PDB file of N, CA and C in Angstrom:
ATOM      1  N   UNK A   1       5.611  -5.766  -8.033  1.00  0.00           N
ATOM      2  CA  UNK A   1       6.393  -6.031  -6.816  1.00  0.00           C
ATOM      3  C   UNK A   1       5.588  -5.601  -5.598  1.00  0.00           C
ATOM      4  N   UNK A   2       4.976  -4.393  -5.711  1.00  0.00           N
ATOM      5  CA  UNK A   2       4.116  -3.839  -4.623  1.00  0.00           C
ATOM      6  C   UNK A   2       3.029  -4.669  -4.130  1.00  0.00           C
ATOM      7  N   UNK A   3       2.446  -5.434  -5.155  1.00  0.00           N
ATOM      8  CA  UNK A   3       1.308  -6.377  -4.791  1.00  0.00           C
ATOM      9  C   UNK A   3       1.888  -7.521  -3.960  1.00  0.00           C
ATOM     10  N   UNK A   4       3.024  -8.011  -4.359  1.00  0.00           N
ATOM     11  CA  UNK A   4       3.652  -9.020  -3.643  1.00  0.00           C
ATOM     12  C   UNK A   4       4.037  -8.672  -2.177  1.00  0.00           C
ATOM     13  N   UNK A   5       4.579  -7.413  -2.136  1.00  0.00           N
ATOM     14  CA  UNK A   5       4.781  -6.837  -0.689  1.00  0.00           C
ATOM     15  C   UNK A   5       3.497  -6.760   0.211  1.00  0.00           C
ATOM     16  N   UNK A   6       2.480  -6.292  -0.471  1.00  0.00           N
ATOM     17  CA  UNK A   6       1.120  -6.219   0.282  1.00  0.00           C
ATOM     18  C   UNK A   6       0.689  -7.544   0.720  1.00  0.00           C
ATOM     19  N   UNK A   7       0.719  -8.557  -0.212  1.00  0.00           N
ATOM     20  CA  UNK A   7       0.322  -9.927   0.039  1.00  0.00           C
ATOM     21  C   UNK A   7       1.205 -10.509   1.118  1.00  0.00           C
ATOM     22  N   UNK A   8       2.493 -10.419   1.101  1.00  0.00           N
ATOM     23  CA  UNK A   8       3.445 -10.887   2.051  1.00  0.00           C
ATOM     24  C   UNK A   8       3.191 -10.351   3.370  1.00  0.00           C
ATOM     25  N   UNK A   9       3.102  -8.986   3.480  1.00  0.00           N
ATOM     26  CA  UNK A   9       2.860  -8.339   4.722  1.00  0.00           C
ATOM     27  C   UNK A   9       1.608  -8.736   5.435  1.00  0.00           C
ATOM     28  N   UNK A  10       0.481  -8.875   4.652  1.00  0.00           N
ATOM     29  CA  UNK A  10      -0.769  -9.301   5.153  1.00  0.00           C
ATOM     30  C   UNK A  10      -0.733 -10.770   5.688  1.00  0.00           C
ATOM     31  N   UNK A  11       0.122 -11.650   4.881  1.00  0.00           N
ATOM     32  CA  UNK A  11       0.189 -13.022   5.413  1.00  0.00           C
ATOM     33  C   UNK A  11       1.056 -13.109   6.766  1.00  0.00           C
ATOM     34  N   UNK A  12       2.058 -12.290   6.886  1.00  0.00           N
ATOM     35  CA  UNK A  12       2.896 -12.301   8.025  1.00  0.00           C
ATOM     36  C   UNK A  12       1.991 -11.763   9.123  1.00  0.00           C
ATOM     37  N   UNK A  13       1.228 -10.686   9.005  1.00  0.00           N
ATOM     38  CA  UNK A  13       0.497 -10.141   9.997  1.00  0.00           C
ATOM     39  C   UNK A  13      -0.640 -11.096  10.497  1.00  0.00           C
ATOM     40  N   UNK A  14      -1.212 -11.829   9.616  1.00  0.00           N
ATOM     41  CA  UNK A  14      -2.241 -12.800   9.935  1.00  0.00           C
ATOM     42  C   UNK A  14      -1.603 -14.086  10.731  1.00  0.00           C
ATOM     43  N   UNK A  15      -0.521 -14.505  10.351  1.00  0.00           N
ATOM     44  CA  UNK A  15       0.151 -15.602  11.015  1.00  0.00           C
ATOM     45  C   UNK A  15       0.499 -15.065  12.423  1.00  0.00           C
ATOM     46  N   UNK A  16       0.982 -13.875  12.520  1.00  0.00           N
ATOM     47  CA  UNK A  16       1.291 -13.330  13.897  1.00  0.00           C
ATOM     48  C   UNK A  16       0.112 -13.153  14.753  1.00  0.00           C
ATOM     49  N   UNK A  17      -0.935 -12.812  14.232  1.00  0.00           N
ATOM     50  CA  UNK A  17      -2.180 -12.694  15.009  1.00  0.00           C
ATOM     51  C   UNK A  17      -2.657 -13.875  15.550  1.00  0.00           C
ATOM     52  N   UNK A  18      -2.579 -15.018  14.717  1.00  0.00           N
ATOM     53  CA  UNK A  18      -3.062 -16.330  15.178  1.00  0.00           C
ATOM     54  C   UNK A  18      -2.170 -16.854  16.255  1.00  0.00           C
ATOM     55  N   UNK A  19      -0.845 -16.747  16.105  1.00  0.00           N
ATOM     56  CA  UNK A  19       0.106 -17.101  17.134  1.00  0.00           C
ATOM     57  C   UNK A  19      -0.115 -16.366  18.421  1.00  0.00           C
ATOM     58  N   UNK A  20      -0.264 -15.087  18.263  1.00  0.00           N
ATOM     59  CA  UNK A  20      -0.358 -14.323  19.486  1.00  0.00           C
ATOM     60  C   UNK A  20      -1.688 -14.518  20.204  1.00  0.00           C
ATOM     61  N   UNK A  21      -2.731 -14.826  19.494  1.00  0.00           N
ATOM     62  CA  UNK A  21      -4.045 -15.161  20.131  1.00  0.00           C
ATOM     63  C   UNK A  21      -4.004 -16.592  20.678  1.00  0.00           C
ATOM     64  N   UNK A  22      -2.943 -17.388  20.340  1.00  0.00           N
ATOM     65  CA  UNK A  22      -2.727 -18.621  21.025  1.00  0.00           C
ATOM     66  C   UNK A  22      -1.790 -18.577  22.172  1.00  0.00           C
ATOM     67  N   UNK A  23      -1.311 -17.428  22.449  1.00  0.00           N
ATOM     68  CA  UNK A  23      -0.493 -17.202  23.676  1.00  0.00           C
ATOM     69  C   UNK A  23       1.023 -17.030  23.492  1.00  0.00           C
ATOM     70  N   UNK A  24       1.434 -17.182  22.107  1.00  0.00           N
ATOM     71  CA  UNK A  24       2.877 -16.902  21.835  1.00  0.00           C
ATOM     72  C   UNK A  24       3.104 -15.433  21.911  1.00  0.00           C
ATOM     73  N   UNK A  25       4.291 -15.115  22.592  1.00  0.00           N
ATOM     74  CA  UNK A  25       4.618 -13.662  22.759  1.00  0.00           C
ATOM     75  C   UNK A  25       6.108 -13.457  22.550  1.00  0.00           C
ATOM     76  N   UNK A  26       6.570 -12.195  22.465  1.00  0.00           N
ATOM     77  CA  UNK A  26       7.943 -11.857  22.383  1.00  0.00           C
ATOM     78  C   UNK A  26       8.788 -12.499  21.236  1.00  0.00           C
ATOM     79  N   UNK A  27       9.914 -12.862  21.645  1.00  0.00           N
ATOM     80  CA  UNK A  27      10.894 -13.436  20.591  1.00  0.00           C
ATOM     81  C   UNK A  27      10.355 -14.594  19.925  1.00  0.00           C
ATOM     82  N   UNK A  28       9.789 -15.626  20.650  1.00  0.00           N
ATOM     83  CA  UNK A  28       9.209 -16.727  19.980  1.00  0.00           C
ATOM     84  C   UNK A  28       8.138 -16.393  18.942  1.00  0.00           C
ATOM     85  N   UNK A  29       7.288 -15.329  19.199  1.00  0.00           N
ATOM     86  CA  UNK A  29       6.332 -14.914  18.362  1.00  0.00           C
ATOM     87  C   UNK A  29       6.967 -14.517  17.011  1.00  0.00           C
ATOM     88  N   UNK A  30       7.934 -13.628  17.035  1.00  0.00           N
ATOM     89  CA  UNK A  30       8.743 -13.171  15.829  1.00  0.00           C
ATOM     90  C   UNK A  30       9.344 -14.402  15.061  1.00  0.00           C
ATOM     91  N   UNK A  31       9.980 -15.278  15.739  1.00  0.00           N
ATOM     92  CA  UNK A  31      10.696 -16.355  15.226  1.00  0.00           C
ATOM     93  C   UNK A  31       9.735 -17.389  14.527  1.00  0.00           C
ATOM     94  N   UNK A  32       8.698 -17.704  15.216  1.00  0.00           N
ATOM     95  CA  UNK A  32       7.659 -18.639  14.618  1.00  0.00           C
ATOM     96  C   UNK A  32       6.906 -17.975  13.415  1.00  0.00           C
ATOM     97  N   UNK A  33       6.552 -16.734  13.507  1.00  0.00           N
ATOM     98  CA  UNK A  33       5.867 -16.050  12.512  1.00  0.00           C
ATOM     99  C   UNK A  33       6.852 -16.025  11.235  1.00  0.00           C
ATOM    100  N   UNK A  34       8.088 -15.697  11.404  1.00  0.00           N
ATOM    101  CA  UNK A  34       9.058 -15.590  10.315  1.00  0.00           C
ATOM    102  C   UNK A  34       9.179 -17.047   9.682  1.00  0.00           C
ATOM    103  N   UNK A  35       9.400 -18.082  10.559  1.00  0.00           N
ATOM    104  CA  UNK A  35       9.527 -19.475   9.954  1.00  0.00           C
ATOM    105  C   UNK A  35       8.389 -19.862   9.160  1.00  0.00           C
ATOM    106  N   UNK A  36       7.170 -19.726   9.756  1.00  0.00           N
ATOM    107  CA  UNK A  36       5.893 -20.140   9.037  1.00  0.00           C
ATOM    108  C   UNK A  36       5.783 -19.314   7.830  1.00  0.00           C
ATOM    109  N   UNK A  37       5.923 -17.948   7.819  1.00  0.00           N
ATOM    110  CA  UNK A  37       5.774 -17.092   6.689  1.00  0.00           C
ATOM    111  C   UNK A  37       6.793 -17.472   5.484  1.00  0.00           C
ATOM    112  N   UNK A  38       7.945 -17.706   5.926  1.00  0.00           N
ATOM    113  CA  UNK A  38       8.983 -17.999   4.985  1.00  0.00           C
ATOM    114  C   UNK A  38       8.629 -19.369   4.258  1.00  0.00           C
ATOM    115  N   UNK A  39       8.128 -20.349   5.010  1.00  0.00           N
ATOM    116  CA  UNK A  39       7.799 -21.551   4.471  1.00  0.00           C
ATOM    117  C   UNK A  39       6.674 -21.465   3.452  1.00  0.00           C
ATOM    118  N   UNK A  40       5.702 -20.749   3.880  1.00  0.00           N
ATOM    119  CA  UNK A  40       4.482 -20.566   3.038  1.00  0.00           C
ATOM    120  C   UNK A  40       4.918 -19.831   1.795  1.00  0.00           C
ATOM    121  N   UNK A  41       5.614 -18.736   1.853  1.00  0.00           N
ATOM    122  CA  UNK A  41       6.006 -17.862   0.813  1.00  0.00           C
ATOM    123  C   UNK A  41       6.907 -18.738  -0.146  1.00  0.00           C
ATOM    124  N   UNK A  42       7.758 -19.529   0.399  1.00  0.00           N
ATOM    125  CA  UNK A  42       8.567 -20.338  -0.545  1.00  0.00           C
ATOM    126  C   UNK A  42       7.780 -21.329  -1.284  1.00  0.00           C
ATOM    127  N   UNK A  43       6.681 -21.873  -0.699  1.00  0.00           N
ATOM    128  CA  UNK A  43       5.700 -22.645  -1.520  1.00  0.00           C
ATOM    129  C   UNK A  43       5.039 -21.946  -2.538  1.00  0.00           C
ATOM    130  N   UNK A  44       4.610 -20.742  -2.210  1.00  0.00           N
ATOM    131  CA  UNK A  44       3.835 -19.890  -3.220  1.00  0.00           C
ATOM    132  C   UNK A  44       4.798 -19.516  -4.339  1.00  0.00           C
ATOM    133  N   UNK A  45       6.049 -19.245  -4.057  1.00  0.00           N
ATOM    134  CA  UNK A  45       7.030 -18.790  -4.961  1.00  0.00           C
ATOM    135  C   UNK A  45       7.657 -19.949  -5.856  1.00  0.00           C
ATOM    136  N   UNK A  46       7.227 -21.034  -5.590  1.00  0.00           N
ATOM    137  CA  UNK A  46       7.649 -22.270  -6.264  1.00  0.00           C
ATOM    138  C   UNK A  46       9.087 -22.536  -6.196  1.00  0.00           C
ATOM    139  N   UNK A  47       9.598 -22.351  -4.982  1.00  0.00           N
ATOM    140  CA  UNK A  47      11.079 -22.546  -4.687  1.00  0.00           C
ATOM    141  C   UNK A  47      11.231 -23.638  -3.621  1.00  0.00           C
ATOM    142  N   UNK A  48      10.134 -24.279  -3.196  1.00  0.00           N
ATOM    143  CA  UNK A  48      10.022 -25.217  -2.168  1.00  0.00           C
ATOM    144  C   UNK A  48       9.985 -26.691  -2.705  1.00  0.00           C
ATOM    145  N   UNK A  49       9.731 -26.960  -3.988  1.00  0.00           N
ATOM    146  CA  UNK A  49       9.663 -28.274  -4.493  1.00  0.00           C
ATOM    147  C   UNK A  49       8.481 -29.064  -3.982  1.00  0.00           C
ATOM    148  N   UNK A  50       7.294 -28.668  -4.430  1.00  0.00           N
ATOM    149  CA  UNK A  50       5.946 -29.318  -3.942  1.00  0.00           C
ATOM    150  C   UNK A  50       5.780 -30.587  -4.642  1.00  0.00           C
ATOM    151  N   UNK A  51       5.553 -31.614  -4.076  1.00  0.00           N
ATOM    152  CA  UNK A  51       5.261 -32.918  -4.663  1.00  0.00           C
ATOM    153  C   UNK A  51       4.581 -33.792  -3.724  1.00  0.00           C
ATOM    154  N   UNK A  52       3.658 -34.644  -4.102  1.00  0.00           N
ATOM    155  CA  UNK A  52       2.983 -35.585  -3.273  1.00  0.00           C
ATOM    156  C   UNK A  52       2.601 -36.768  -4.095  1.00  0.00           C
ATOM    157  N   UNK A  53       2.938 -38.010  -3.819  1.00  0.00           N
ATOM    158  CA  UNK A  53       2.639 -39.131  -4.633  1.00  0.00           C
ATOM    159  C   UNK A  53       3.046 -38.936  -5.985  1.00  0.00           C
ATOM    160  N   UNK A  54       4.221 -38.386  -6.250  1.00  0.00           N
ATOM    161  CA  UNK A  54       4.764 -38.338  -7.655  1.00  0.00           C
ATOM    162  C   UNK A  54       4.066 -37.152  -8.540  1.00  0.00           C
ATOM    163  N   UNK A  55       3.167 -36.471  -7.901  1.00  0.00           N
ATOM    164  CA  UNK A  55       2.620 -35.331  -8.666  1.00  0.00           C
ATOM    165  C   UNK A  55       3.209 -34.075  -8.187  1.00  0.00           C
ATOM    166  N   UNK A  56       3.819 -33.282  -9.049  1.00  0.00           N
ATOM    167  CA  UNK A  56       4.431 -31.981  -8.664  1.00  0.00           C
ATOM    168  C   UNK A  56       3.360 -30.897  -8.897  1.00  0.00           C
ATOM    169  N   UNK A  57       3.438 -29.892  -7.926  1.00  0.00           N
ATOM    170  CA  UNK A  57       2.569 -28.703  -7.901  1.00  0.00           C
ATOM    171  C   UNK A  57       3.440 -27.537  -8.130  1.00  0.00           C
ATOM    172  N   UNK A  58       3.247 -26.768  -9.091  1.00  0.00           N
ATOM    173  CA  UNK A  58       4.027 -25.513  -9.387  1.00  0.00           C
ATOM    174  C   UNK A  58       3.128 -24.309  -9.328  1.00  0.00           C
ATOM    175  N   UNK A  59       3.038 -23.612  -8.185  1.00  0.00           N
ATOM    176  CA  UNK A  59       2.212 -22.428  -8.077  1.00  0.00           C
ATOM    177  C   UNK A  59       2.670 -21.307  -8.968  1.00  0.00           C
ATOM    178  N   UNK A  60       1.713 -20.378  -9.301  1.00  0.00           N
ATOM    179  CA  UNK A  60       2.012 -19.279 -10.172  1.00  0.00           C
ATOM    180  C   UNK A  60       1.200 -18.106  -9.560  1.00  0.00           C
ATOM    181  N   UNK A  61       1.799 -17.222  -8.890  1.00  0.00           N
ATOM    182  CA  UNK A  61       1.238 -16.086  -8.325  1.00  0.00           C
ATOM    183  C   UNK A  61       0.814 -15.014  -9.216  1.00  0.00           C
ATOM    184  N   UNK A  62      -0.513 -14.635  -9.176  1.00  0.00           N
ATOM    185  CA  UNK A  62      -1.039 -13.609  -9.956  1.00  0.00           C
ATOM    186  C   UNK A  62      -1.951 -12.698  -9.066  1.00  0.00           C
ATOM    187  N   UNK A  63      -2.321 -11.595  -9.537  1.00  0.00           N
ATOM    188  CA  UNK A  63      -3.295 -10.724  -8.751  1.00  0.00           C
ATOM    189  C   UNK A  63      -4.373 -10.206  -9.680  1.00  0.00           C
ATOM    190  N   UNK A  64      -5.534  -9.980  -9.077  1.00  0.00           N
ATOM    191  CA  UNK A  64      -6.676  -9.423  -9.787  1.00  0.00           C
ATOM    192  C   UNK A  64      -6.717  -7.915  -9.497  1.00  0.00           C
ATOM    193  N   UNK A  65      -7.022  -7.106 -10.438  1.00  0.00           N
ATOM    194  CA  UNK A  65      -7.224  -5.693 -10.038  1.00  0.00           C
ATOM    195  C   UNK A  65      -8.232  -5.164 -11.182  1.00  0.00           C
ATOM    196  N   UNK A  66      -8.416  -3.888 -11.113  1.00  0.00           N
ATOM    197  CA  UNK A  66      -9.361  -3.200 -12.044  1.00  0.00           C
ATOM    198  C   UNK A  66     -10.673  -2.973 -11.290  1.00  0.00           C
ATOM    199  N   UNK A  67     -11.483  -2.169 -11.922  1.00  0.00           N
ATOM    200  CA  UNK A  67     -12.782  -1.940 -11.401  1.00  0.00           C
ATOM    201  C   UNK A  67     -13.711  -3.118 -11.040  1.00  0.00           C
ATOM    202  N   UNK A  68     -13.645  -4.186 -11.728  1.00  0.00           N
ATOM    203  CA  UNK A  68     -14.419  -5.333 -11.455  1.00  0.00           C
ATOM    204  C   UNK A  68     -13.490  -6.480 -11.360  1.00  0.00           C
ATOM    205  N   UNK A  69     -12.405  -6.300 -10.841  1.00  0.00           N
ATOM    206  CA  UNK A  69     -11.353  -7.263 -10.776  1.00  0.00           C
ATOM    207  C   UNK A  69     -11.280  -8.074 -12.100  1.00  0.00           C
ATOM    208  N   UNK A  70     -11.174  -7.298 -13.210  1.00  0.00           N
ATOM    209  CA  UNK A  70     -11.189  -7.879 -14.489  1.00  0.00           C
ATOM    210  C   UNK A  70      -9.828  -7.873 -15.248  1.00  0.00           C
ATOM    211  N   UNK A  71      -8.680  -7.479 -14.404  1.00  0.00           N
ATOM    212  CA  UNK A  71      -7.407  -7.553 -14.963  1.00  0.00           C
ATOM    213  C   UNK A  71      -6.585  -8.460 -14.145  1.00  0.00           C
ATOM    214  N   UNK A  72      -5.857  -9.348 -14.788  1.00  0.00           N
ATOM    215  CA  UNK A  72      -4.905 -10.162 -14.220  1.00  0.00           C
ATOM    216  C   UNK A  72      -3.546  -9.769 -14.311  1.00  0.00           C
ATOM    217  N   UNK A  73      -2.772  -9.567 -13.141  1.00  0.00           N
ATOM    218  CA  UNK A  73      -1.439  -9.083 -13.159  1.00  0.00           C
ATOM    219  C   UNK A  73      -0.484 -10.166 -12.679  1.00  0.00           C
ATOM    220  N   UNK A  74       0.546 -10.242 -13.473  1.00  0.00           N
ATOM    221  CA  UNK A  74       1.555 -11.078 -13.134  1.00  0.00           C
ATOM    222  C   UNK A  74       2.859 -10.261 -13.256  1.00  0.00           C
ATOM    223  N   UNK A  75       3.866 -10.338 -12.247  1.00  0.00           N
ATOM    224  CA  UNK A  75       5.029  -9.508 -12.364  1.00  0.00           C
ATOM    225  C   UNK A  75       6.054 -10.035 -13.249  1.00  0.00           C
ATOM    226  N   UNK A  76       5.915 -11.236 -13.748  1.00  0.00           N
ATOM    227  CA  UNK A  76       6.879 -11.785 -14.708  1.00  0.00           C
ATOM    228  C   UNK A  76       7.856 -12.843 -13.918  1.00  0.00           C
ATOM    229  N   UNK A  77       8.007 -14.069 -14.439  1.00  0.00           N
ATOM    230  CA  UNK A  77       8.785 -14.874 -13.751  1.00  0.00           C
ATOM    231  C   UNK A  77       8.101 -15.355 -12.376  1.00  0.00           C
ATOM    232  N   UNK A  78       8.932 -16.135 -11.572  1.00  0.00           N
ATOM    233  CA  UNK A  78       8.497 -16.646 -10.381  1.00  0.00           C
ATOM    234  C   UNK A  78       8.257 -15.327  -9.341  1.00  0.00           C
ATOM    235  N   UNK A  79       7.384 -15.474  -8.421  1.00  0.00           N
ATOM    236  CA  UNK A  79       7.135 -14.435  -7.415  1.00  0.00           C
ATOM    237  C   UNK A  79       8.322 -14.491  -6.462  1.00  0.00           C
ATOM    238  N   UNK A  80       8.549 -13.449  -5.657  1.00  0.00           N
ATOM    239  CA  UNK A  80       9.644 -13.354  -4.745  1.00  0.00           C
ATOM    240  C   UNK A  80       9.290 -13.099  -3.311  1.00  0.00           C
ATOM    241  N   UNK A  81       8.089 -13.411  -2.952  1.00  0.00           N
ATOM    242  CA  UNK A  81       7.591 -13.149  -1.568  1.00  0.00           C
ATOM    243  C   UNK A  81       8.565 -13.704  -0.542  1.00  0.00           C
ATOM    244  N   UNK A  82       9.219 -14.871  -0.732  1.00  0.00           N
ATOM    245  CA  UNK A  82      10.024 -15.430   0.318  1.00  0.00           C
ATOM    246  C   UNK A  82      11.221 -14.498   0.657  1.00  0.00           C
ATOM    247  N   UNK A  83      11.690 -13.780  -0.416  1.00  0.00           N
ATOM    248  CA  UNK A  83      12.782 -12.822  -0.276  1.00  0.00           C
ATOM    249  C   UNK A  83      12.365 -11.628   0.599  1.00  0.00           C
ATOM    250  N   UNK A  84      11.096 -11.320   0.702  1.00  0.00           N
ATOM    251  CA  UNK A  84      10.534 -10.217   1.419  1.00  0.00           C
ATOM    252  C   UNK A  84      10.205 -10.428   2.860  1.00  0.00           C
ATOM    253  N   UNK A  85      10.132 -11.675   3.123  1.00  0.00           N
ATOM    254  CA  UNK A  85       9.573 -12.099   4.595  1.00  0.00           C
ATOM    255  C   UNK A  85      10.406 -11.394   5.746  1.00  0.00           C
ATOM    256  N   UNK A  86      11.626 -11.604   5.747  1.00  0.00           N
ATOM    257  CA  UNK A  86      12.312 -11.154   6.952  1.00  0.00           C
ATOM    258  C   UNK A  86      12.451  -9.633   6.976  1.00  0.00           C
ATOM    259  N   UNK A  87      12.533  -8.925   5.896  1.00  0.00           N
ATOM    260  CA  UNK A  87      12.522  -7.463   6.011  1.00  0.00           C
ATOM    261  C   UNK A  87      11.176  -6.954   6.471  1.00  0.00           C
ATOM    262  N   UNK A  88      10.095  -7.469   5.985  1.00  0.00           N
ATOM    263  CA  UNK A  88       8.827  -7.015   6.439  1.00  0.00           C
ATOM    264  C   UNK A  88       8.634  -7.413   7.921  1.00  0.00           C
ATOM    265  N   UNK A  89       9.066  -8.688   8.317  1.00  0.00           N
ATOM    266  CA  UNK A  89       8.930  -9.175   9.604  1.00  0.00           C
ATOM    267  C   UNK A  89       9.666  -8.175  10.564  1.00  0.00           C
ATOM    268  N   UNK A  90      10.922  -7.825  10.289  1.00  0.00           N
ATOM    269  CA  UNK A  90      11.655  -6.940  11.078  1.00  0.00           C
ATOM    270  C   UNK A  90      10.974  -5.531  11.238  1.00  0.00           C
ATOM    271  N   UNK A  91      10.457  -5.059  10.123  1.00  0.00           N
ATOM    272  CA  UNK A  91       9.674  -3.776  10.218  1.00  0.00           C
ATOM    273  C   UNK A  91       8.437  -3.854  11.142  1.00  0.00           C
ATOM    274  N   UNK A  92       7.755  -5.021  10.953  1.00  0.00           N
ATOM    275  CA  UNK A  92       6.562  -5.258  11.806  1.00  0.00           C
ATOM    276  C   UNK A  92       6.984  -5.408  13.348  1.00  0.00           C
ATOM    277  N   UNK A  93       7.979  -5.887  13.603  1.00  0.00           N
ATOM    278  CA  UNK A  93       8.480  -6.312  14.971  1.00  0.00           C
ATOM    279  C   UNK A  93       9.514  -5.226  15.421  1.00  0.00           C
ATOM    280  N   UNK A  94       9.485  -3.940  14.798  1.00  0.00           N
ATOM    281  CA  UNK A  94      10.274  -2.884  15.123  1.00  0.00           C
ATOM    282  C   UNK A  94      11.713  -3.175  15.224  1.00  0.00           C
ATOM    283  N   UNK A  95      12.384  -3.953  14.317  1.00  0.00           N
ATOM    284  CA  UNK A  95      13.630  -4.283  14.323  1.00  0.00           C
ATOM    285  C   UNK A  95      14.196  -5.237  15.458  1.00  0.00           C
ATOM    286  N   UNK A  96      13.207  -5.789  16.243  1.00  0.00           N
ATOM    287  CA  UNK A  96      13.639  -6.657  17.259  1.00  0.00           C
ATOM    288  C   UNK A  96      13.864  -8.080  16.727  1.00  0.00           C
TER     289      UNK A  96
END
């Protein structure tokens, strides 16, 4: 679960950085960051129903670790990054 938190937090921070560099500030920055991060996290967590031209895509989030990135870690079941987005977002934006 900690790896998913790290991944989700980093995703949110990078989205916010790009939006801020494009001139988005204040409340719109938080709202857009949250909306984009939630959408991407839902896709990664396989709760968004990905399909194009009749072909379904079902992502499966795993992480590499170990001295030579030789261990594959999966937390069991679907990932839950989308459930973490708004908690992490509120922490990053100091509860605003």
